[in-house]
Amino acid sequence: MGLLDGIIGPVAGIIDKIIPDPKARDEAKLKLLALQGSQELEQAKAQMAAILAEAQSPDPWTSRARPSFLYVMYALLLWAIPMGLIAAVQPQMAKDIAAGMNAYLAGIPEPLYAL
């Protein structure tokens, strides 16, 4: 989606410069937006198909991988509550804990957690 959004803006600017007739210009922009919408729809369909295939897999490791990952992420988010309390009492300790967690998480390759 980001690549397509990056292309749509400049192309719309070019359309403004090339097509002098406002009616034709608006029609060209509508076609461009329709193309963007269909591309996003196809991408969403492909993502949903992959998620459904994973969920319906007979292999328990595959079908539970996404929910298990989300549970880990929920735990990390909930960890912010005690970290806030630690930061209120001992700010340096909270900074040290956060630095250690950042160093640990930086070692995990992004494709493993980028959904």
PDB file of N, CA and C in Angstrom:
ATOM      1  N   MET A   1       0.817  -1.184   0.000  1.00  0.00           N
ATOM      2  CA  MET A   1       0.000   0.000   0.000  1.00  0.00           C
ATOM      3  C   MET A   1       0.865   1.255   0.000  1.00  0.00           C
ATOM      4  N   GLY A   2       1.969   1.265   0.724  1.00  0.00           N
ATOM      5  CA  GLY A   2       2.806   2.444   0.805  1.00  0.00           C
ATOM      6  C   GLY A   2       3.389   2.826  -0.537  1.00  0.00           C
ATOM      7  N   LEU A   3       3.821   1.829  -1.307  1.00  0.00           N
ATOM      8  CA  LEU A   3       4.385   2.097  -2.621  1.00  0.00           C
ATOM      9  C   LEU A   3       3.328   2.690  -3.534  1.00  0.00           C
ATOM     10  N   LEU A   4       2.139   2.112  -3.515  1.00  0.00           N
ATOM     11  CA  LEU A   4       1.058   2.604  -4.362  1.00  0.00           C
ATOM     12  C   LEU A   4       0.658   4.019  -3.964  1.00  0.00           C
ATOM     13  N   ASP A   5       0.590   4.299  -2.677  1.00  0.00           N
ATOM     14  CA  ASP A   5       0.266   5.655  -2.220  1.00  0.00           C
ATOM     15  C   ASP A   5       1.347   6.639  -2.652  1.00  0.00           C
ATOM     16  N   GLY A   6       2.585   6.194  -2.653  1.00  0.00           N
ATOM     17  CA  GLY A   6       3.682   7.051  -3.078  1.00  0.00           C
ATOM     18  C   GLY A   6       3.639   7.365  -4.560  1.00  0.00           C
ATOM     19  N   ILE A   7       3.021   6.513  -5.336  1.00  0.00           N
ATOM     20  CA  ILE A   7       2.923   6.725  -6.782  1.00  0.00           C
ATOM     21  C   ILE A   7       1.712   7.581  -7.133  1.00  0.00           C
ATOM     22  N   ILE A   8       0.605   7.388  -6.434  1.00  0.00           N
ATOM     23  CA  ILE A   8      -0.655   8.065  -6.767  1.00  0.00           C
ATOM     24  C   ILE A   8      -0.512   9.584  -6.694  1.00  0.00           C
ATOM     25  N   GLY A   9       0.112  10.101  -5.654  1.00  0.00           N
ATOM     26  CA  GLY A   9       0.249  11.554  -5.496  1.00  0.00           C
ATOM     27  C   GLY A   9       0.981  12.222  -6.652  1.00  0.00           C
ATOM     28  N   PRO A  10       2.196  11.752  -7.004  1.00  0.00           N
ATOM     29  CA  PRO A  10       2.902  12.361  -8.135  1.00  0.00           C
ATOM     30  C   PRO A  10       2.158  12.215  -9.463  1.00  0.00           C
ATOM     31  N   VAL A  11       1.518  11.065  -9.673  1.00  0.00           N
ATOM     32  CA  VAL A  11       0.777  10.869 -10.923  1.00  0.00           C
ATOM     33  C   VAL A  11      -0.392  11.846 -10.995  1.00  0.00           C
ATOM     34  N   ALA A  12      -1.064  12.070  -9.873  1.00  0.00           N
ATOM     35  CA  ALA A  12      -2.163  13.045  -9.853  1.00  0.00           C
ATOM     36  C   ALA A  12      -1.636  14.446 -10.155  1.00  0.00           C
ATOM     37  N   GLY A  13      -0.459  14.775  -9.667  1.00  0.00           N
ATOM     38  CA  GLY A  13       0.151  16.071  -9.977  1.00  0.00           C
ATOM     39  C   GLY A  13       0.479  16.205 -11.451  1.00  0.00           C
ATOM     40  N   ILE A  14       0.959  15.119 -12.047  1.00  0.00           N
ATOM     41  CA  ILE A  14       1.253  15.126 -13.482  1.00  0.00           C
ATOM     42  C   ILE A  14      -0.034  15.285 -14.283  1.00  0.00           C
ATOM     43  N   ILE A  15      -1.092  14.614 -13.843  1.00  0.00           N
ATOM     44  CA  ILE A  15      -2.387  14.737 -14.527  1.00  0.00           C
ATOM     45  C   ILE A  15      -2.842  16.193 -14.503  1.00  0.00           C
ATOM     46  N   ASP A  16      -2.644  16.880 -13.378  1.00  0.00           N
ATOM     47  CA  ASP A  16      -3.028  18.291 -13.282  1.00  0.00           C
ATOM     48  C   ASP A  16      -2.295  19.137 -14.319  1.00  0.00           C
ATOM     49  N   LYS A  17      -1.027  18.827 -14.572  1.00  0.00           N
ATOM     50  CA  LYS A  17      -0.225  19.619 -15.502  1.00  0.00           C
ATOM     51  C   LYS A  17      -0.503  19.263 -16.960  1.00  0.00           C
ATOM     52  N   ILE A  18      -0.781  17.987 -17.233  1.00  0.00           N
ATOM     53  CA  ILE A  18      -0.914  17.530 -18.617  1.00  0.00           C
ATOM     54  C   ILE A  18      -2.306  17.780 -19.183  1.00  0.00           C
ATOM     55  N   ILE A  19      -3.335  17.531 -18.399  1.00  0.00           N
ATOM     56  CA  ILE A  19      -4.712  17.618 -18.898  1.00  0.00           C
ATOM     57  C   ILE A  19      -5.292  18.979 -18.506  1.00  0.00           C
ATOM     58  N   PRO A  20      -5.494  19.868 -19.488  1.00  0.00           N
ATOM     59  CA  PRO A  20      -5.998  21.202 -19.166  1.00  0.00           C
ATOM     60  C   PRO A  20      -7.497  21.239 -18.851  1.00  0.00           C
ATOM     61  N   ASP A  21      -8.270  20.345 -19.449  1.00  0.00           N
ATOM     62  CA  ASP A  21      -9.722  20.343 -19.251  1.00  0.00           C
ATOM     63  C   ASP A  21     -10.051  19.818 -17.851  1.00  0.00           C
ATOM     64  N   PRO A  22     -10.711  20.621 -17.003  1.00  0.00           N
ATOM     65  CA  PRO A  22     -11.008  20.180 -15.629  1.00  0.00           C
ATOM     66  C   PRO A  22     -11.867  18.920 -15.570  1.00  0.00           C
ATOM     67  N   LYS A  23     -12.808  18.784 -16.484  1.00  0.00           N
ATOM     68  CA  LYS A  23     -13.686  17.615 -16.478  1.00  0.00           C
ATOM     69  C   LYS A  23     -12.897  16.343 -16.806  1.00  0.00           C
ATOM     70  N   ALA A  24     -12.050  16.418 -17.833  1.00  0.00           N
ATOM     71  CA  ALA A  24     -11.229  15.263 -18.214  1.00  0.00           C
ATOM     72  C   ALA A  24     -10.212  14.951 -17.122  1.00  0.00           C
ATOM     73  N   ARG A  25      -9.691  16.000 -16.493  1.00  0.00           N
ATOM     74  CA  ARG A  25      -8.720  15.815 -15.411  1.00  0.00           C
ATOM     75  C   ARG A  25      -9.359  15.073 -14.239  1.00  0.00           C
ATOM     76  N   ASP A  26     -10.569  15.484 -13.856  1.00  0.00           N
ATOM     77  CA  ASP A  26     -11.265  14.819 -12.757  1.00  0.00           C
ATOM     78  C   ASP A  26     -11.588  13.369 -13.097  1.00  0.00           C
ATOM     79  N   GLU A  27     -11.944  13.121 -14.352  1.00  0.00           N
ATOM     80  CA  GLU A  27     -12.238  11.748 -14.779  1.00  0.00           C
ATOM     81  C   GLU A  27     -10.981  10.876 -14.700  1.00  0.00           C
ATOM     82  N   ALA A  28      -9.843  11.425 -15.110  1.00  0.00           N
ATOM     83  CA  ALA A  28      -8.585  10.678 -15.036  1.00  0.00           C
ATOM     84  C   ALA A  28      -8.211  10.386 -13.585  1.00  0.00           C
ATOM     85  N   LYS A  29      -8.435  11.355 -12.704  1.00  0.00           N
ATOM     86  CA  LYS A  29      -8.135  11.137 -11.284  1.00  0.00           C
ATOM     87  C   LYS A  29      -9.057  10.079 -10.680  1.00  0.00           C
ATOM     88  N   LEU A  30     -10.327  10.073 -11.089  1.00  0.00           N
ATOM     89  CA  LEU A  30     -11.250   9.045 -10.601  1.00  0.00           C
ATOM     90  C   LEU A  30     -10.806   7.655 -11.033  1.00  0.00           C
ATOM     91  N   LYS A  31     -10.352   7.542 -12.279  1.00  0.00           N
ATOM     92  CA  LYS A  31      -9.856   6.243 -12.759  1.00  0.00           C
ATOM     93  C   LYS A  31      -8.616   5.821 -11.971  1.00  0.00           C
ATOM     94  N   LEU A  32      -7.767   6.782 -11.668  1.00  0.00           N
ATOM     95  CA  LEU A  32      -6.563   6.498 -10.887  1.00  0.00           C
ATOM     96  C   LEU A  32      -6.925   6.026  -9.481  1.00  0.00           C
ATOM     97  N   LEU A  33      -7.901   6.679  -8.859  1.00  0.00           N
ATOM     98  CA  LEU A  33      -8.345   6.268  -7.521  1.00  0.00           C
ATOM     99  C   LEU A  33      -9.020   4.902  -7.554  1.00  0.00           C
ATOM    100  N   ALA A  34      -9.764   4.610  -8.625  1.00  0.00           N
ATOM    101  CA  ALA A  34     -10.389   3.291  -8.757  1.00  0.00           C
ATOM    102  C   ALA A  34      -9.321   2.212  -8.871  1.00  0.00           C
ATOM    103  N   LEU A  35      -8.254   2.515  -9.613  1.00  0.00           N
ATOM    104  CA  LEU A  35      -7.145   1.565  -9.734  1.00  0.00           C
ATOM    105  C   LEU A  35      -6.508   1.327  -8.372  1.00  0.00           C
ATOM    106  N   GLN A  36      -6.313   2.387  -7.606  1.00  0.00           N
ATOM    107  CA  GLN A  36      -5.732   2.253  -6.272  1.00  0.00           C
ATOM    108  C   GLN A  36      -6.630   1.397  -5.391  1.00  0.00           C
ATOM    109  N   GLY A  37      -7.941   1.641  -5.433  1.00  0.00           N
ATOM    110  CA  GLY A  37      -8.880   0.864  -4.625  1.00  0.00           C
ATOM    111  C   GLY A  37      -8.878  -0.604  -4.991  1.00  0.00           C
ATOM    112  N   SER A  38      -8.805  -0.911  -6.285  1.00  0.00           N
ATOM    113  CA  SER A  38      -8.805  -2.320  -6.696  1.00  0.00           C
ATOM    114  C   SER A  38      -7.505  -3.002  -6.281  1.00  0.00           C
ATOM    115  N   GLN A  39      -6.390  -2.272  -6.339  1.00  0.00           N
ATOM    116  CA  GLN A  39      -5.105  -2.835  -5.901  1.00  0.00           C
ATOM    117  C   GLN A  39      -5.146  -3.148  -4.406  1.00  0.00           C
ATOM    118  N   GLU A  40      -5.701  -2.231  -3.619  1.00  0.00           N
ATOM    119  CA  GLU A  40      -5.782  -2.443  -2.172  1.00  0.00           C
ATOM    120  C   GLU A  40      -6.724  -3.594  -1.848  1.00  0.00           C
ATOM    121  N   LEU A  41      -7.812  -3.716  -2.607  1.00  0.00           N
ATOM    122  CA  LEU A  41      -8.749  -4.811  -2.390  1.00  0.00           C
ATOM    123  C   LEU A  41      -8.081  -6.150  -2.678  1.00  0.00           C
ATOM    124  N   GLU A  42      -7.335  -6.229  -3.770  1.00  0.00           N
ATOM    125  CA  GLU A  42      -6.636  -7.469  -4.110  1.00  0.00           C
ATOM    126  C   GLU A  42      -5.600  -7.818  -3.047  1.00  0.00           C
ATOM    127  N   GLN A  43      -4.911  -6.821  -2.536  1.00  0.00           N
ATOM    128  CA  GLN A  43      -3.917  -7.069  -1.491  1.00  0.00           C
ATOM    129  C   GLN A  43      -4.595  -7.569  -0.219  1.00  0.00           C
ATOM    130  N   ALA A  44      -5.715  -6.976   0.152  1.00  0.00           N
ATOM    131  CA  ALA A  44      -6.445  -7.411   1.348  1.00  0.00           C
ATOM    132  C   ALA A  44      -6.967  -8.834   1.175  1.00  0.00           C
ATOM    133  N   LYS A  45      -7.441  -9.169  -0.026  1.00  0.00           N
ATOM    134  CA  LYS A  45      -7.916 -10.533  -0.288  1.00  0.00           C
ATOM    135  C   LYS A  45      -6.778 -11.539  -0.148  1.00  0.00           C
ATOM    136  N   ALA A  46      -5.606 -11.189  -0.669  1.00  0.00           N
ATOM    137  CA  ALA A  46      -4.457 -12.092  -0.569  1.00  0.00           C
ATOM    138  C   ALA A  46      -4.046 -12.293   0.888  1.00  0.00           C
ATOM    139  N   GLN A  47      -4.057 -11.219   1.680  1.00  0.00           N
ATOM    140  CA  GLN A  47      -3.701 -11.337   3.091  1.00  0.00           C
ATOM    141  C   GLN A  47      -4.720 -12.191   3.840  1.00  0.00           C
ATOM    142  N   MET A  48      -6.000 -11.993   3.560  1.00  0.00           N
ATOM    143  CA  MET A  48      -7.041 -12.783   4.228  1.00  0.00           C
ATOM    144  C   MET A  48      -6.944 -14.253   3.841  1.00  0.00           C
ATOM    145  N   ALA A  49      -6.630 -14.527   2.572  1.00  0.00           N
ATOM    146  CA  ALA A  49      -6.489 -15.915   2.136  1.00  0.00           C
ATOM    147  C   ALA A  49      -5.350 -16.598   2.889  1.00  0.00           C
ATOM    148  N   ALA A  50      -4.246 -15.890   3.084  1.00  0.00           N
ATOM    149  CA  ALA A  50      -3.116 -16.462   3.819  1.00  0.00           C
ATOM    150  C   ALA A  50      -3.484 -16.707   5.278  1.00  0.00           C
ATOM    151  N   ILE A  51      -4.188 -15.767   5.893  1.00  0.00           N
ATOM    152  CA  ILE A  51      -4.589 -15.923   7.295  1.00  0.00           C
ATOM    153  C   ILE A  51      -5.550 -17.095   7.449  1.00  0.00           C
ATOM    154  N   LEU A  52      -6.518 -17.212   6.527  1.00  0.00           N
ATOM    155  CA  LEU A  52      -7.474 -18.321   6.594  1.00  0.00           C
ATOM    156  C   LEU A  52      -6.784 -19.659   6.365  1.00  0.00           C
ATOM    157  N   ALA A  53      -5.832 -19.700   5.440  1.00  0.00           N
ATOM    158  CA  ALA A  53      -5.103 -20.944   5.193  1.00  0.00           C
ATOM    159  C   ALA A  53      -4.317 -21.366   6.434  1.00  0.00           C
ATOM    160  N   GLU A  54      -3.710 -20.404   7.118  1.00  0.00           N
ATOM    161  CA  GLU A  54      -2.985 -20.722   8.348  1.00  0.00           C
ATOM    162  C   GLU A  54      -3.938 -21.219   9.427  1.00  0.00           C
ATOM    163  N   ALA A  55      -5.078 -20.561   9.565  1.00  0.00           N
ATOM    164  CA  ALA A  55      -6.030 -20.922  10.621  1.00  0.00           C
ATOM    165  C   ALA A  55      -6.652 -22.292  10.384  1.00  0.00           C
ATOM    166  N   GLN A  56      -6.829 -22.691   9.128  1.00  0.00           N
ATOM    167  CA  GLN A  56      -7.477 -23.959   8.812  1.00  0.00           C
ATOM    168  C   GLN A  56      -6.483 -25.101   8.645  1.00  0.00           C
ATOM    169  N   SER A  57      -5.227 -24.833   8.860  1.00  0.00           N
ATOM    170  CA  SER A  57      -4.209 -25.861   8.708  1.00  0.00           C
ATOM    171  C   SER A  57      -4.397 -26.956   9.756  1.00  0.00           C
ATOM    172  N   PRO A  58      -4.259 -28.231   9.349  1.00  0.00           N
ATOM    173  CA  PRO A  58      -4.376 -29.309  10.331  1.00  0.00           C
ATOM    174  C   PRO A  58      -3.180 -29.358  11.290  1.00  0.00           C
ATOM    175  N   ASP A  59      -2.082 -28.730  10.905  1.00  0.00           N
ATOM    176  CA  ASP A  59      -0.898 -28.697  11.755  1.00  0.00           C
ATOM    177  C   ASP A  59      -1.128 -27.712  12.903  1.00  0.00           C
ATOM    178  N   PRO A  60      -1.127 -28.187  14.162  1.00  0.00           N
ATOM    179  CA  PRO A  60      -1.409 -27.277  15.280  1.00  0.00           C
ATOM    180  C   PRO A  60      -0.375 -26.158  15.426  1.00  0.00           C
ATOM    181  N   TRP A  61       0.864 -26.392  15.017  1.00  0.00           N
ATOM    182  CA  TRP A  61       1.884 -25.353  15.131  1.00  0.00           C
ATOM    183  C   TRP A  61       1.573 -24.196  14.191  1.00  0.00           C
ATOM    184  N   THR A  62       1.067 -24.521  13.018  1.00  0.00           N
ATOM    185  CA  THR A  62       0.751 -23.476  12.040  1.00  0.00           C
ATOM    186  C   THR A  62      -0.503 -22.718  12.428  1.00  0.00           C
ATOM    187  N   SER A  63      -1.547 -23.440  12.831  1.00  0.00           N
ATOM    188  CA  SER A  63      -2.821 -22.784  13.117  1.00  0.00           C
ATOM    189  C   SER A  63      -2.777 -21.948  14.394  1.00  0.00           C
ATOM    190  N   ARG A  64      -1.846 -22.241  15.293  1.00  0.00           N
ATOM    191  CA  ARG A  64      -1.761 -21.483  16.544  1.00  0.00           C
ATOM    192  C   ARG A  64      -0.642 -20.458  16.549  1.00  0.00           C
ATOM    193  N   ALA A  65       0.106 -20.368  15.456  1.00  0.00           N
ATOM    194  CA  ALA A  65       1.269 -19.476  15.447  1.00  0.00           C
ATOM    195  C   ALA A  65       0.868 -18.016  15.592  1.00  0.00           C
ATOM    196  N   ARG A  66      -0.100 -17.564  14.810  1.00  0.00           N
ATOM    197  CA  ARG A  66      -0.500 -16.153  14.862  1.00  0.00           C
ATOM    198  C   ARG A  66      -1.113 -15.783  16.214  1.00  0.00           C
ATOM    199  N   PRO A  67      -2.068 -16.570  16.760  1.00  0.00           N
ATOM    200  CA  PRO A  67      -2.595 -16.209  18.086  1.00  0.00           C
ATOM    201  C   PRO A  67      -1.517 -16.239  19.172  1.00  0.00           C
ATOM    202  N   SER A  68      -0.607 -17.198  19.105  1.00  0.00           N
ATOM    203  CA  SER A  68       0.458 -17.271  20.110  1.00  0.00           C
ATOM    204  C   SER A  68       1.342 -16.035  20.049  1.00  0.00           C
ATOM    205  N   PHE A  69       1.652 -15.609  18.840  1.00  0.00           N
ATOM    206  CA  PHE A  69       2.458 -14.400  18.682  1.00  0.00           C
ATOM    207  C   PHE A  69       1.733 -13.198  19.284  1.00  0.00           C
ATOM    208  N   LEU A  70       0.435 -13.108  19.048  1.00  0.00           N
ATOM    209  CA  LEU A  70      -0.331 -11.985  19.598  1.00  0.00           C
ATOM    210  C   LEU A  70      -0.363 -12.023  21.123  1.00  0.00           C
ATOM    211  N   TYR A  71      -0.427 -13.215  21.714  1.00  0.00           N
ATOM    212  CA  TYR A  71      -0.396 -13.313  23.172  1.00  0.00           C
ATOM    213  C   TYR A  71       0.930 -12.788  23.720  1.00  0.00           C
ATOM    214  N   VAL A  72       2.017 -13.088  23.026  1.00  0.00           N
ATOM    215  CA  VAL A  72       3.326 -12.576  23.442  1.00  0.00           C
ATOM    216  C   VAL A  72       3.337 -11.049  23.359  1.00  0.00           C
ATOM    217  N   MET A  73       2.772 -10.512  22.285  1.00  0.00           N
ATOM    218  CA  MET A  73       2.728  -9.056  22.140  1.00  0.00           C
ATOM    219  C   MET A  73       1.859  -8.422  23.229  1.00  0.00           C
ATOM    220  N   TYR A  74       0.744  -9.070  23.572  1.00  0.00           N
ATOM    221  CA  TYR A  74      -0.106  -8.564  24.658  1.00  0.00           C
ATOM    222  C   TYR A  74       0.674  -8.532  25.975  1.00  0.00           C
ATOM    223  N   ALA A  75       1.454  -9.587  26.228  1.00  0.00           N
ATOM    224  CA  ALA A  75       2.246  -9.635  27.459  1.00  0.00           C
ATOM    225  C   ALA A  75       3.258  -8.489  27.493  1.00  0.00           C
ATOM    226  N   LEU A  76       3.883  -8.216  26.342  1.00  0.00           N
ATOM    227  CA  LEU A  76       4.835  -7.107  26.296  1.00  0.00           C
ATOM    228  C   LEU A  76       4.140  -5.770  26.554  1.00  0.00           C
ATOM    229  N   LEU A  77       2.942  -5.613  26.015  1.00  0.00           N
ATOM    230  CA  LEU A  77       2.200  -4.373  26.261  1.00  0.00           C
ATOM    231  C   LEU A  77       1.790  -4.251  27.725  1.00  0.00           C
ATOM    232  N   LEU A  78       1.364  -5.361  28.319  1.00  0.00           N
ATOM    233  CA  LEU A  78       0.969  -5.323  29.728  1.00  0.00           C
ATOM    234  C   LEU A  78       2.165  -5.076  30.646  1.00  0.00           C
ATOM    235  N   TRP A  79       3.353  -5.436  30.191  1.00  0.00           N
ATOM    236  CA  TRP A  79       4.564  -5.212  30.969  1.00  0.00           C
ATOM    237  C   TRP A  79       4.798  -3.714  31.180  1.00  0.00           C
ATOM    238  N   ALA A  80       4.172  -2.879  30.373  1.00  0.00           N
ATOM    239  CA  ALA A  80       4.330  -1.431  30.522  1.00  0.00           C
ATOM    240  C   ALA A  80       3.762  -0.934  31.850  1.00  0.00           C
ATOM    241  N   ILE A  81       2.780  -1.629  32.400  1.00  0.00           N
ATOM    242  CA  ILE A  81       2.174  -1.189  33.667  1.00  0.00           C
ATOM    243  C   ILE A  81       3.176  -1.288  34.819  1.00  0.00           C
ATOM    244  N   PRO A  82       3.776  -2.473  35.061  1.00  0.00           N
ATOM    245  CA  PRO A  82       4.774  -2.502  36.140  1.00  0.00           C
ATOM    246  C   PRO A  82       6.007  -1.658  35.826  1.00  0.00           C
ATOM    247  N   MET A  83       6.340  -1.508  34.545  1.00  0.00           N
ATOM    248  CA  MET A  83       7.485  -0.657  34.197  1.00  0.00           C
ATOM    249  C   MET A  83       7.206   0.793  34.580  1.00  0.00           C
ATOM    250  N   GLY A  84       5.963   1.214  34.436  1.00  0.00           N
ATOM    251  CA  GLY A  84       5.600   2.570  34.858  1.00  0.00           C
ATOM    252  C   GLY A  84       5.771   2.752  36.353  1.00  0.00           C
ATOM    253  N   LEU A  85       5.388   1.729  37.113  1.00  0.00           N
ATOM    254  CA  LEU A  85       5.553   1.795  38.572  1.00  0.00           C
ATOM    255  C   LEU A  85       7.031   1.794  38.960  1.00  0.00           C
ATOM    256  N   ILE A  86       7.813   0.946  38.282  1.00  0.00           N
ATOM    257  CA  ILE A  86       9.256   0.913  38.554  1.00  0.00           C
ATOM    258  C   ILE A  86       9.872   2.270  38.226  1.00  0.00           C
ATOM    259  N   ALA A  87       9.442   2.860  37.096  1.00  0.00           N
ATOM    260  CA  ALA A  87       9.987   4.161  36.698  1.00  0.00           C
ATOM    261  C   ALA A  87       9.639   5.246  37.710  1.00  0.00           C
ATOM    262  N   ALA A  88       8.486   5.127  38.351  1.00  0.00           N
ATOM    263  CA  ALA A  88       8.100   6.125  39.351  1.00  0.00           C
ATOM    264  C   ALA A  88       8.966   6.022  40.597  1.00  0.00           C
ATOM    265  N   VAL A  89       9.358   4.789  40.953  1.00  0.00           N
ATOM    266  CA  VAL A  89      10.130   4.578  42.173  1.00  0.00           C
ATOM    267  C   VAL A  89      11.630   4.698  41.912  1.00  0.00           C
ATOM    268  N   GLN A  90      12.100   4.013  40.852  1.00  0.00           N
ATOM    269  CA  GLN A  90      13.528   4.018  40.531  1.00  0.00           C
ATOM    270  C   GLN A  90      13.711   4.246  39.028  1.00  0.00           C
ATOM    271  N   PRO A  91      13.779   5.483  38.593  1.00  0.00           N
ATOM    272  CA  PRO A  91      13.869   5.782  37.159  1.00  0.00           C
ATOM    273  C   PRO A  91      15.084   5.151  36.472  1.00  0.00           C
ATOM    274  N   GLN A  92      16.223   5.106  37.144  1.00  0.00           N
ATOM    275  CA  GLN A  92      17.417   4.540  36.514  1.00  0.00           C
ATOM    276  C   GLN A  92      17.246   3.047  36.270  1.00  0.00           C
ATOM    277  N   MET A  93      16.627   2.343  37.213  1.00  0.00           N
ATOM    278  CA  MET A  93      16.391   0.915  37.032  1.00  0.00           C
ATOM    279  C   MET A  93      15.459   0.688  35.839  1.00  0.00           C
ATOM    280  N   ALA A  94      14.429   1.509  35.700  1.00  0.00           N
ATOM    281  CA  ALA A  94      13.511   1.380  34.571  1.00  0.00           C
ATOM    282  C   ALA A  94      14.243   1.616  33.251  1.00  0.00           C
ATOM    283  N   LYS A  95      15.145   2.602  33.227  1.00  0.00           N
ATOM    284  CA  LYS A  95      15.928   2.860  32.015  1.00  0.00           C
ATOM    285  C   LYS A  95      16.818   1.672  31.687  1.00  0.00           C
ATOM    286  N   ASP A  96      17.437   1.075  32.700  1.00  0.00           N
ATOM    287  CA  ASP A  96      18.300  -0.081  32.479  1.00  0.00           C
ATOM    288  C   ASP A  96      17.500  -1.276  31.958  1.00  0.00           C
ATOM    289  N   ILE A  97      16.329  -1.510  32.531  1.00  0.00           N
ATOM    290  CA  ILE A  97      15.474  -2.609  32.071  1.00  0.00           C
ATOM    291  C   ILE A  97      15.058  -2.364  30.623  1.00  0.00           C
ATOM    292  N   ALA A  98      14.644  -1.128  30.314  1.00  0.00           N
ATOM    293  CA  ALA A  98      14.219  -0.796  28.952  1.00  0.00           C
ATOM    294  C   ALA A  98      15.374  -0.948  27.970  1.00  0.00           C
ATOM    295  N   ALA A  99      16.579  -0.540  28.366  1.00  0.00           N
ATOM    296  CA  ALA A  99      17.739  -0.686  27.486  1.00  0.00           C
ATOM    297  C   ALA A  99      18.033  -2.157  27.228  1.00  0.00           C
ATOM    298  N   GLY A 100      17.917  -2.985  28.262  1.00  0.00           N
ATOM    299  CA  GLY A 100      18.126  -4.420  28.081  1.00  0.00           C
ATOM    300  C   GLY A 100      17.085  -5.043  27.167  1.00  0.00           C
ATOM    301  N   MET A 101      15.824  -4.648  27.338  1.00  0.00           N
ATOM    302  CA  MET A 101      14.770  -5.179  26.472  1.00  0.00           C
ATOM    303  C   MET A 101      14.969  -4.720  25.031  1.00  0.00           C
ATOM    304  N   ASN A 102      15.360  -3.460  24.837  1.00  0.00           N
ATOM    305  CA  ASN A 102      15.614  -2.958  23.483  1.00  0.00           C
ATOM    306  C   ASN A 102      16.757  -3.716  22.827  1.00  0.00           C
ATOM    307  N   ALA A 103      17.813  -3.974  23.578  1.00  0.00           N
ATOM    308  CA  ALA A 103      18.943  -4.718  23.025  1.00  0.00           C
ATOM    309  C   ALA A 103      18.523  -6.131  22.641  1.00  0.00           C
ATOM    310  N   TYR A 104      17.704  -6.756  23.480  1.00  0.00           N
ATOM    311  CA  TYR A 104      17.223  -8.107  23.180  1.00  0.00           C
ATOM    312  C   TYR A 104      16.324  -8.103  21.948  1.00  0.00           C
ATOM    313  N   LEU A 105      15.365  -7.187  21.917  1.00  0.00           N
ATOM    314  CA  LEU A 105      14.417  -7.154  20.803  1.00  0.00           C
ATOM    315  C   LEU A 105      15.075  -6.730  19.497  1.00  0.00           C
ATOM    316  N   ALA A 106      16.144  -5.950  19.557  1.00  0.00           N
ATOM    317  CA  ALA A 106      16.850  -5.545  18.345  1.00  0.00           C
ATOM    318  C   ALA A 106      17.516  -6.738  17.665  1.00  0.00           C
ATOM    319  N   GLY A 107      17.768  -7.794  18.416  1.00  0.00           N
ATOM    320  CA  GLY A 107      18.380  -8.987  17.847  1.00  0.00           C
ATOM    321  C   GLY A 107      17.410  -9.871  17.088  1.00  0.00           C
ATOM    322  N   ILE A 108      16.122  -9.623  17.222  1.00  0.00           N
ATOM    323  CA  ILE A 108      15.118 -10.425  16.521  1.00  0.00           C
ATOM    324  C   ILE A 108      14.909  -9.826  15.135  1.00  0.00           C
ATOM    325  N   PRO A 109      15.048 -10.625  14.069  1.00  0.00           N
ATOM    326  CA  PRO A 109      14.854 -10.093  12.713  1.00  0.00           C
ATOM    327  C   PRO A 109      13.429  -9.572  12.511  1.00  0.00           C
ATOM    328  N   GLU A 110      13.307  -8.422  11.869  1.00  0.00           N
ATOM    329  CA  GLU A 110      11.997  -7.786  11.681  1.00  0.00           C
ATOM    330  C   GLU A 110      10.989  -8.668  10.949  1.00  0.00           C
ATOM    331  N   PRO A 111      11.383  -9.458   9.932  1.00  0.00           N
ATOM    332  CA  PRO A 111      10.369 -10.288   9.256  1.00  0.00           C
ATOM    333  C   PRO A 111       9.667 -11.281  10.180  1.00  0.00           C
ATOM    334  N   LEU A 112      10.252 -11.575  11.331  1.00  0.00           N
ATOM    335  CA  LEU A 112       9.602 -12.508  12.245  1.00  0.00           C
ATOM    336  C   LEU A 112       8.404 -11.898  12.948  1.00  0.00           C
ATOM    337  N   TYR A 113       8.390 -10.580  13.105  1.00  0.00           N
ATOM    338  CA  TYR A 113       7.278  -9.970  13.822  1.00  0.00           C
ATOM    339  C   TYR A 113       6.514  -8.948  12.987  1.00  0.00           C
ATOM    340  N   ALA A 114       6.956  -8.663  11.775  1.00  0.00           N
ATOM    341  CA  ALA A 114       6.223  -7.720  10.916  1.00  0.00           C
ATOM    342  C   ALA A 114       5.041  -8.446  10.301  1.00  0.00           C
ATOM    343  N   LEU A 115       3.863  -8.006  10.658  1.00  0.00           N
ATOM    344  CA  LEU A 115       2.650  -8.621  10.114  1.00  0.00           C
ATOM    345  C   LEU A 115       2.137  -7.733   9.046  1.00  0.00           C
TER     346      LEU A 115
END
